Protein backbone atom coordinates (compact mmCIF):
# COMPACT_ATOMS: atom_id res chain seq x y z
CA MET A 1 0.00 0.00 0.00
CA SER A 2 2.79 2.40 0.93
CA ALA A 3 4.57 1.60 -2.35
CA LEU A 4 1.38 2.42 -4.24
CA LEU A 5 0.99 5.74 -2.44
CA ALA A 6 4.64 6.56 -3.01
CA ALA A 7 4.26 5.98 -6.73
CA VAL A 8 1.53 8.62 -6.91
CA ALA A 9 2.29 12.30 -6.47
CA LEU A 10 0.53 15.59 -7.13
CA PRO A 11 1.21 16.97 -10.63
CA PHE A 12 3.17 20.15 -10.96
CA LEU A 13 1.03 23.25 -11.45
CA LYS A 14 2.73 25.59 -13.87
CA PRO A 15 2.18 29.17 -12.66
CA PRO A 16 -0.03 31.09 -15.13
CA ALA A 17 1.56 34.01 -16.92
CA PRO A 18 0.76 37.43 -15.43
CA ILE A 19 -1.65 39.79 -17.17
CA ASP A 20 0.27 42.89 -18.19
CA ILE A 21 -1.73 46.15 -18.10
CA GLY A 22 1.25 48.37 -17.34
CA VAL A 23 1.33 46.79 -13.90
CA PRO A 24 1.71 43.00 -13.91
CA ILE A 25 -1.45 41.36 -12.53
CA GLN A 26 -0.63 37.95 -11.12
CA VAL A 27 -3.12 35.11 -10.78
CA PHE A 28 -1.94 34.91 -7.19
CA GLY A 29 -3.06 38.50 -6.65
CA MET A 30 -6.50 37.80 -8.09
CA ILE A 31 -6.97 34.81 -5.78
CA VAL A 32 -5.89 36.91 -2.82
CA ALA A 33 -8.36 39.61 -3.85
CA ALA A 34 -11.15 37.01 -3.97
CA GLY A 35 -10.16 35.88 -0.48
CA VAL A 36 -10.32 39.46 0.78
CA LEU A 37 -13.84 39.92 -0.63
CA ILE A 38 -15.11 36.67 0.90
CA GLY A 39 -13.47 37.44 4.23
CA ALA A 40 -14.95 40.95 4.21
CA ALA A 41 -18.44 39.50 3.63
CA LEU A 42 -18.08 37.14 6.62
CA LEU A 43 -16.69 39.98 8.73
CA ARG A 44 -19.67 42.18 7.87
CA ARG A 45 -22.22 39.46 8.65
CA TYR A 46 -20.67 38.77 12.06
CA ALA A 47 -20.38 42.47 12.86
CA GLU A 48 -24.00 43.22 11.88
CA TRP A 49 -25.16 40.37 14.10
CA HIS A 50 -23.51 42.24 17.00
CA GLY A 51 -25.04 45.58 16.08
CA VAL A 52 -21.86 47.22 14.75
CA SER A 53 -22.54 50.22 12.53
CA ASP A 54 -21.69 50.28 8.85
CA GLU A 55 -19.21 53.08 9.50
CA HIS A 56 -17.13 50.93 11.85
CA ILE A 57 -17.38 47.87 9.59
CA ARG A 58 -15.97 49.80 6.64
CA GLY A 59 -13.40 51.57 8.79
CA LEU A 60 -12.11 48.39 10.40
CA THR A 61 -11.98 46.49 7.10
CA GLY A 62 -10.14 49.31 5.36
CA TRP A 63 -7.55 49.84 8.08
CA ILE A 64 -6.77 46.13 8.44
CA THR A 65 -6.62 45.50 4.68
CA VAL A 66 -4.38 48.44 3.80
CA ALA A 67 -2.11 48.05 6.83
CA GLY A 68 -1.96 44.28 6.25
CA PHE A 69 -0.81 44.60 2.64
CA LEU A 70 1.77 47.23 3.55
CA GLY A 71 3.07 45.15 6.43
CA ALA A 72 3.16 41.98 4.32
CA HIS A 73 5.47 43.57 1.76
CA GLU A 74 7.68 45.61 4.08
CA PHE A 75 8.32 42.67 6.41
CA ASP A 76 9.07 40.48 3.40
CA VAL A 77 11.66 43.02 2.26
CA ILE A 78 13.23 43.15 5.73
CA ALA A 79 13.17 39.43 6.48
CA TYR A 80 13.66 37.81 3.07
CA GLN A 81 14.83 40.36 0.47
CA TRP A 82 17.21 42.62 2.33
CA ASP A 83 19.96 41.85 -0.16
CA ARG A 84 17.82 43.39 -2.95
CA ILE A 85 17.12 46.66 -1.14
CA SER A 86 19.94 48.45 -2.97
CA GLU A 87 18.91 47.37 -6.49
CA PRO A 88 18.94 50.23 -9.07
CA TRP A 89 15.56 51.76 -9.74
CA ASP A 90 13.81 54.10 -12.17
CA ILE A 91 10.55 56.03 -12.33
CA TRP A 92 9.25 54.15 -15.38
CA PRO A 93 8.24 51.43 -15.88
CA VAL A 94 6.73 50.69 -12.50
CA SER A 95 8.50 47.32 -12.40
CA HIS A 96 11.72 49.34 -11.87
CA TRP A 97 10.46 51.24 -8.83
CA PRO A 98 12.40 50.86 -5.57
CA LEU A 99 11.68 47.51 -3.93
CA PRO A 100 10.08 48.95 -0.76
CA ILE A 101 7.27 50.54 -2.81
CA ARG A 102 6.82 47.65 -5.26
CA PHE A 103 4.09 46.27 -3.05
CA TRP A 104 3.32 43.41 -5.47
CA ASP A 105 6.92 42.12 -5.38
CA GLY A 106 6.94 39.72 -2.43
CA ILE A 107 4.73 39.43 0.62
CA SER A 108 5.04 37.67 3.96
CA SER A 109 2.01 36.15 5.70
CA TYR A 110 3.24 36.97 9.18
CA GLY A 111 4.16 40.44 7.97
CA GLY A 112 0.52 40.77 6.92
CA PHE A 113 -0.57 39.68 10.39
CA VAL A 114 1.71 42.21 12.04
CA GLY A 115 0.65 45.03 9.70
CA GLY A 116 -3.03 44.15 10.09
CA ALA A 117 -2.66 44.07 13.88
CA ILE A 118 -1.11 47.55 13.83
CA GLY A 119 -3.96 48.88 11.68
CA PHE A 120 -6.50 47.21 13.97
CA ALA A 121 -4.94 48.66 17.11
CA ILE A 122 -4.85 52.19 15.68
CA TYR A 123 -8.49 52.12 14.58
CA VAL A 124 -9.86 50.56 17.78
CA TRP A 125 -7.88 52.99 19.94
CA TRP A 126 -8.93 55.96 17.80
CA LYS A 127 -12.65 55.10 17.93
CA ARG A 128 -12.61 53.77 21.53
CA LEU A 129 -14.17 50.44 20.53
CA PRO A 130 -14.43 47.20 22.56
CA VAL A 131 -11.16 45.39 21.83
CA ARG A 132 -12.28 41.78 22.34
CA LEU A 133 -15.41 41.99 20.21
CA PHE A 134 -13.62 43.78 17.38
CA ALA A 135 -10.71 41.34 17.53
CA ASP A 136 -13.20 38.53 16.92
CA ILE A 137 -14.80 40.48 14.09
CA ALA A 138 -11.39 40.98 12.48
CA LEU A 139 -10.37 37.32 12.72
CA VAL A 140 -13.71 36.05 11.41
CA GLY A 141 -12.84 37.82 8.17
CA LEU A 142 -9.05 37.46 8.24
CA MET A 143 -8.69 33.69 8.64
CA PRO A 144 -10.90 32.72 5.65
CA ALA A 145 -9.26 35.41 3.52
CA PHE A 146 -5.78 34.20 4.48
CA SER A 147 -6.73 30.56 3.87
CA ILE A 148 -8.01 31.33 0.37
CA GLY A 149 -4.75 33.18 -0.23
CA ARG A 150 -2.97 29.89 0.45
CA ILE A 151 -4.75 28.50 -2.62
CA GLY A 152 -2.85 31.13 -4.59
CA CYS A 153 0.39 30.01 -2.95
CA THR A 154 -0.39 26.44 -4.00
CA VAL A 155 -1.07 27.41 -7.62
CA VAL A 156 2.09 29.47 -8.09
CA SER A 157 4.26 27.16 -5.94
CA ASP A 158 5.97 30.01 -4.14
CA HIS A 159 6.55 27.93 -1.00
CA ILE A 160 8.56 24.95 -2.17
CA GLY A 161 9.86 22.88 0.71
CA SER A 162 12.50 20.21 1.03
CA ALA A 163 12.64 17.11 -1.13
CA VAL A 164 10.66 14.03 -0.12
CA ASP A 165 11.85 10.42 -0.17
CA THR A 166 9.68 8.75 -2.80
CA ALA A 167 9.73 5.51 -0.79
CA LYS A 168 7.77 7.07 2.09
CA TRP A 169 3.97 6.78 2.30
CA TYR A 170 3.52 10.51 2.72
CA ALA A 171 5.27 11.18 -0.60
CA ALA A 172 1.81 11.10 -2.20
CA LEU A 173 1.15 14.51 -0.64
CA ALA A 174 4.25 15.99 -2.28
CA MET A 175 4.52 17.46 -5.77
CA ASP A 176 6.75 16.55 -8.68
CA TYR A 177 8.65 19.68 -9.70
CA PRO A 178 10.60 19.80 -13.00
CA ARG A 179 14.33 19.72 -12.34
CA ASN A 180 14.93 22.49 -14.87
CA LEU A 181 12.67 24.82 -12.90
CA ASN A 182 14.39 27.65 -11.07
CA MET A 183 14.88 25.60 -7.94
CA ALA A 184 18.62 25.77 -7.40
CA HIS A 185 18.37 24.75 -3.76
CA LEU A 186 16.70 21.43 -4.60
CA ALA A 187 18.83 20.62 -7.62
CA GLU A 188 21.95 21.39 -5.59
CA HIS A 189 21.04 19.40 -2.49
CA TYR A 190 19.39 16.52 -4.35
CA PRO A 191 21.45 15.89 -7.50
CA GLY A 192 20.39 13.21 -9.94
CA THR A 193 19.33 12.49 -13.45
CA SER A 194 15.60 12.22 -12.94
CA GLU A 195 13.39 14.71 -14.76
CA TYR A 196 11.44 15.63 -11.61
CA ILE A 197 12.22 16.29 -7.97
CA ARG A 198 9.48 15.40 -5.52
CA ALA A 199 9.20 18.10 -2.86
CA TRP A 200 6.67 19.61 -0.50
CA ASN A 201 4.26 22.25 -1.67
CA LEU A 202 4.02 23.97 1.71
CA GLY A 203 1.22 26.27 0.59
CA LEU A 204 -0.94 23.22 -0.13
CA ILE A 205 -0.12 21.50 3.17
CA GLU A 206 -0.94 24.64 5.12
CA PHE A 207 -4.20 25.13 3.21
CA LEU A 208 -5.31 21.57 3.98
CA TYR A 209 -4.64 22.20 7.66
CA LEU A 210 -6.50 25.52 7.61
CA ILE A 211 -9.74 23.96 6.31
CA PRO A 212 -10.68 22.36 9.68
CA VAL A 213 -9.29 25.39 11.55
CA ASN A 214 -11.69 27.68 9.68
CA ALA A 215 -14.56 25.25 10.21
CA ILE A 216 -13.99 25.30 13.99
CA LEU A 217 -13.61 29.07 14.24
CA LEU A 218 -16.66 29.85 12.10
CA TRP A 219 -18.75 27.30 14.00
CA LEU A 220 -17.81 28.94 17.28
CA ALA A 221 -18.41 32.41 15.87
CA PHE A 222 -21.89 31.86 14.42
CA ARG A 223 -23.40 29.37 16.84
CA SER A 224 -26.59 30.74 18.41
CA LYS A 225 -26.44 28.82 21.70
CA LYS A 226 -23.66 28.76 24.29
CA ARG A 227 -21.81 31.49 22.50
CA PRO A 228 -18.13 31.85 23.46
CA ASN A 229 -16.76 34.79 25.40
CA ALA A 230 -15.76 37.78 23.32
CA GLY A 231 -12.14 37.37 22.23
CA ILE A 232 -12.12 33.58 22.00
CA ILE A 233 -12.23 33.57 18.18
CA ALA A 234 -9.16 35.81 17.97
CA VAL A 235 -7.06 33.91 20.50
CA GLY A 236 -8.26 30.59 19.05
CA ALA A 237 -6.92 31.58 15.65
CA GLY A 238 -3.52 32.36 17.17
CA LEU A 239 -3.40 29.11 19.16
CA LEU A 240 -4.42 26.93 16.21
CA TYR A 241 -2.36 28.52 13.45
CA SER A 242 0.96 29.16 15.18
CA PRO A 243 2.02 25.49 15.71
CA VAL A 244 1.54 24.39 12.11
CA ARG A 245 3.49 27.35 10.80
CA PHE A 246 6.27 26.76 13.30
CA PHE A 247 6.79 23.12 12.28
CA LEU A 248 6.29 23.59 8.54
CA ASP A 249 9.06 26.16 8.44
CA PHE A 250 11.57 23.44 9.30
CA LEU A 251 10.85 22.13 5.79
CA ARG A 252 11.80 25.44 4.17
CA PRO A 253 15.28 25.66 2.62
CA ASP A 254 17.80 28.15 3.97
CA GLU A 255 18.12 29.76 0.55
CA THR A 256 14.56 31.07 0.61
CA ASP A 257 14.01 31.36 4.38
CA PRO A 258 17.22 32.37 6.17
CA ARG A 259 17.63 31.43 9.81
CA HIS A 260 18.02 33.93 12.64
CA LEU A 261 19.45 32.23 15.73
CA GLY A 262 18.44 28.90 14.26
CA LEU A 263 14.83 29.78 13.37
CA THR A 264 13.10 31.58 10.52
CA PHE A 265 11.42 34.93 10.97
CA ALA A 266 8.02 33.19 10.76
CA GLN A 267 9.01 30.72 13.49
CA TRP A 268 9.98 33.49 15.90
CA ALA A 269 6.72 35.25 15.06
CA ALA A 270 4.80 31.99 15.68
CA ILE A 271 6.35 31.65 19.13
CA ALA A 272 5.40 35.21 20.01
CA ALA A 273 1.87 34.82 18.61
CA PHE A 274 1.28 31.58 20.51
CA GLY A 275 2.50 33.06 23.79
CA VAL A 276 0.35 36.19 23.50
CA ALA A 277 -2.69 34.14 22.44
CA ALA A 278 -2.29 31.73 25.38
CA TYR A 279 -2.02 34.60 27.89
CA VAL A 280 -5.04 36.45 26.49
CA ALA A 281 -7.06 33.20 26.28
CA ALA A 282 -6.56 32.62 30.02
CA ARG A 283 -7.87 36.11 30.79
CA VAL A 284 -10.82 35.81 28.42
CA ILE A 285 -11.89 32.48 29.89
CA LYS A 286 -11.53 33.77 33.44
CA ASN A 287 -13.30 37.13 33.29
CA GLY A 288 -14.87 37.35 29.83
CA LYS A 289 -18.48 37.12 28.69
CA PRO A 290 -20.24 36.71 25.34
CA ALA A 291 -20.81 39.86 23.33
CA GLU A 292 -24.40 41.05 22.98
CA VAL A 293 -26.23 40.34 19.72
CA VAL A 294 -29.22 42.05 18.11
CA ALA A 295 -31.06 38.83 17.18
CA PRO A 296 -31.03 35.17 18.26
CA THR A 297 -29.17 34.14 15.08
CA SER A 298 -27.14 35.89 12.43
CA GLY A 299 -29.73 34.83 9.84
CA GLU A 300 -32.49 36.60 11.76
CA ALA A 301 -30.29 39.68 12.06
CA GLN A 302 -29.83 39.69 8.27
CA ARG A 303 -33.60 39.42 7.69
CA ARG A 304 -34.27 42.37 9.97
CA LEU A 305 -31.56 44.39 8.28
CA LYS A 306 -33.01 43.64 4.84
CA MET A 307 -36.41 44.90 6.00
CA ILE A 308 -34.84 48.14 7.22
CA LEU A 309 -32.91 48.58 3.99
CA LYS A 310 -36.09 47.91 1.96
CA GLU A 311 -37.98 50.60 3.89
CA GLU A 312 -35.15 53.05 3.30
CA ALA A 313 -35.09 52.17 -0.39
CA ASP A 314 -38.86 52.73 -0.65
CA ALA A 315 -38.50 56.12 1.03
CA ALA A 316 -35.67 57.02 -1.33
CA GLY A 317 -37.77 55.93 -4.30
CA ALA A 318 -40.68 58.11 -3.19
CA LYS A 319 -38.34 61.06 -2.86
CA LYS A 320 -36.83 60.41 -6.27
CA SER A 321 -40.27 60.30 -7.89
CA GLY A 322 -40.86 63.94 -6.91
CA LYS A 323 -42.37 63.63 -3.47
CA SER A 324 -40.20 64.66 -0.62
CA THR A 325 -40.44 62.82 2.67
CA SER A 326 -41.96 65.86 4.36
CA SER A 327 -44.67 66.34 1.70
CA THR A 328 -45.54 62.66 1.78
CA THR A 329 -45.88 62.81 5.54
CA ALA A 330 -48.02 65.98 5.31
CA GLU A 331 -50.35 64.33 2.80
CA ARG A 332 -50.70 61.27 5.00
CA ASP A 333 -51.48 63.45 8.05
CA ALA A 334 -54.03 65.51 6.11
CA ALA A 335 -55.81 62.36 4.95
CA ARG A 336 -55.90 61.04 8.48
CA ASP A 337 -57.33 64.35 9.82
CA THR A 338 -60.03 64.40 7.11
CA ALA A 339 -61.11 60.89 8.01
CA LYS A 340 -61.13 61.83 11.68
CA ASP A 341 -63.29 64.93 11.05
CA LYS A 342 -65.70 62.85 9.01
CA LYS A 343 -66.08 60.35 11.82
CA VAL A 344 -66.63 63.12 14.39
CA SER A 345 -69.28 64.74 12.17
CA GLU A 346 -71.12 61.45 11.74
CA ALA A 347 -71.02 60.85 15.50
CA GLU A 348 -72.45 64.32 16.21
CA ASP A 349 -75.28 63.76 13.73
CA LYS A 350 -76.17 60.47 15.38
CA ALA A 351 -76.11 62.10 18.83
CA ALA A 352 -78.40 64.93 17.66
CA ALA A 353 -80.84 62.45 16.17
CA ALA A 354 -80.86 60.48 19.41
CA ASP A 355 -81.57 63.68 21.41
CA GLU A 356 -84.51 64.55 19.18
CA THR A 357 -85.92 61.07 19.59
CA GLU A 358 -85.61 61.23 23.36
CA GLY A 359 -87.25 64.67 23.41
CA ASP A 360 -90.23 63.45 21.43
CA GLU A 361 -90.73 60.42 23.65
CA GLY A 362 -90.27 62.11 27.06
CA VAL A 363 -92.53 65.25 26.67
CA ASP A 364 -96.30 65.59 26.10
CA ASP A 365 -97.68 67.83 23.37
CA PRO A 366 -97.68 71.50 24.45
CA PRO A 367 -101.00 72.88 25.68
CA ALA A 368 -103.03 75.28 23.63
CA LYS A 369 -102.40 78.97 23.81
CA GLY A 370 -103.44 80.58 27.05
CA THR A 371 -104.04 77.32 28.96
CA VAL A 372 -102.27 75.88 31.97
CA SER A 373 -100.92 72.40 32.16
CA ALA A 374 -102.76 69.81 34.17
CA PRO A 375 -101.59 69.13 37.67
CA ASP A 376 -98.87 66.51 38.11
CA ILE A 377 -98.01 64.25 40.98
CA ASP A 378 -94.77 66.12 41.41
CA GLY A 379 -96.42 69.49 41.52
CA PRO A 380 -98.01 71.95 39.12
CA LYS A 381 -96.37 72.60 35.80
CA PRO A 382 -95.76 76.16 34.81
CA ALA A 383 -97.77 77.70 32.03
CA VAL A 384 -95.88 77.92 28.76
CA LYS A 385 -96.52 79.74 25.59
CA ALA A 386 -97.30 77.90 22.42
CA GLY A 387 -94.25 76.98 20.36
CA ALA A 388 -91.78 77.28 23.24
CA ALA A 389 -89.12 74.60 23.79
CA ILE A 390 -90.09 72.13 26.42
CA ALA A 391 -87.60 70.46 28.62
CA PRO A 392 -88.28 66.83 29.51
CA SER A 393 -89.76 66.15 32.91
CA PRO A 394 -87.25 65.62 35.64
CA PRO A 395 -86.97 62.18 37.18
CA LYS A 396 -89.15 61.37 40.12
CA GLY A 397 -87.87 62.86 43.31
CA GLY A 398 -87.31 66.30 41.91
CA ASN A 399 -84.25 68.11 40.55
CA LYS A 400 -81.18 68.62 42.62
CA GLY A 401 -80.43 72.25 43.07
CA GLY A 402 -83.67 73.19 41.36
CA LYS A 403 -82.14 72.85 37.88
CA ASN A 404 -83.39 70.69 35.05
CA LYS A 405 -80.82 68.36 33.56
CA ARG A 406 -81.09 67.45 29.92
CA LYS A 407 -80.23 63.93 28.89
CA ARG A 408 -77.33 63.37 26.54
């Protein structure tokens, strides 16, 4: 079985040629851009579930993205391309610009983490935002975006590791690279006559590991019951990613990843990230609490938001059609007042009709002119002139205060 697995290897993926539009557009860059868009969508959904305003969502995404790309390139220059810093440069074409401002010419993943963290810290401090909640929001978007970026690394094979013994069972996970490819470190350390050299595609191995990591983090982030304390997503990402990066870097050749005190720059960064994440995780578990949400589930929050956006769109459409919001409101109020007046008028007419009916039933016909009314058990009735208004007889027992009260 092991011999069968060893005989099979992943085929070499030839990097696609860049698209030249004055600035070379790499396939790797397009894949990274797709990852950023998907990560930003997840970030927004999680943030809206927690009631974060659109202003802060856009601000946080912008600061992390820009600072992350700047940090990724500048740290790559410092850690991996320092010997090229003094290369001659020119204003045109842009491919001859100085290396520090050729942001497309080399990036470092941990440099992106460091740059993104700096951008995050500046924005959260500036806006006085809750650090733990916004750290979770950032990582919910960052980890999927970074993982999709590793697909780009796999396609362009920019993280070629050490050669693999074809007799081992795990050789099936390696890739057969052409010997004539620009891989001097492999051809030098593993001479031979074979057409291919089987070596690790470290971008692929890391991507395969990141699939379950993302599944765990997103499950924790979007679960509706027993939600984790704010900050757990961020520290969980640090705790889960740092070890794999630390050990995979042992498979990187010295020619591409120089050692500093025996370890690569990424390995030292992994140690620091793991230590900070472990310390913060202990504090979050001890005294943290889940962040408040605006709906039981993120799906319900999205439905409510769509209703609000639809109402705003309807209002904007009414305004665009020539009716301002104030005029529409005035027309609605006027219609309501007219209906109210109509109801009041109808009620008054009914009350007047009822009064007339009661008057007719409760009073005898007036006596003829010059006569006096017949005596009554309650006392004599005063003489009245013909045609005068007659009040209804008071109830038995007489009128209080000597005044007649008219029924209503």
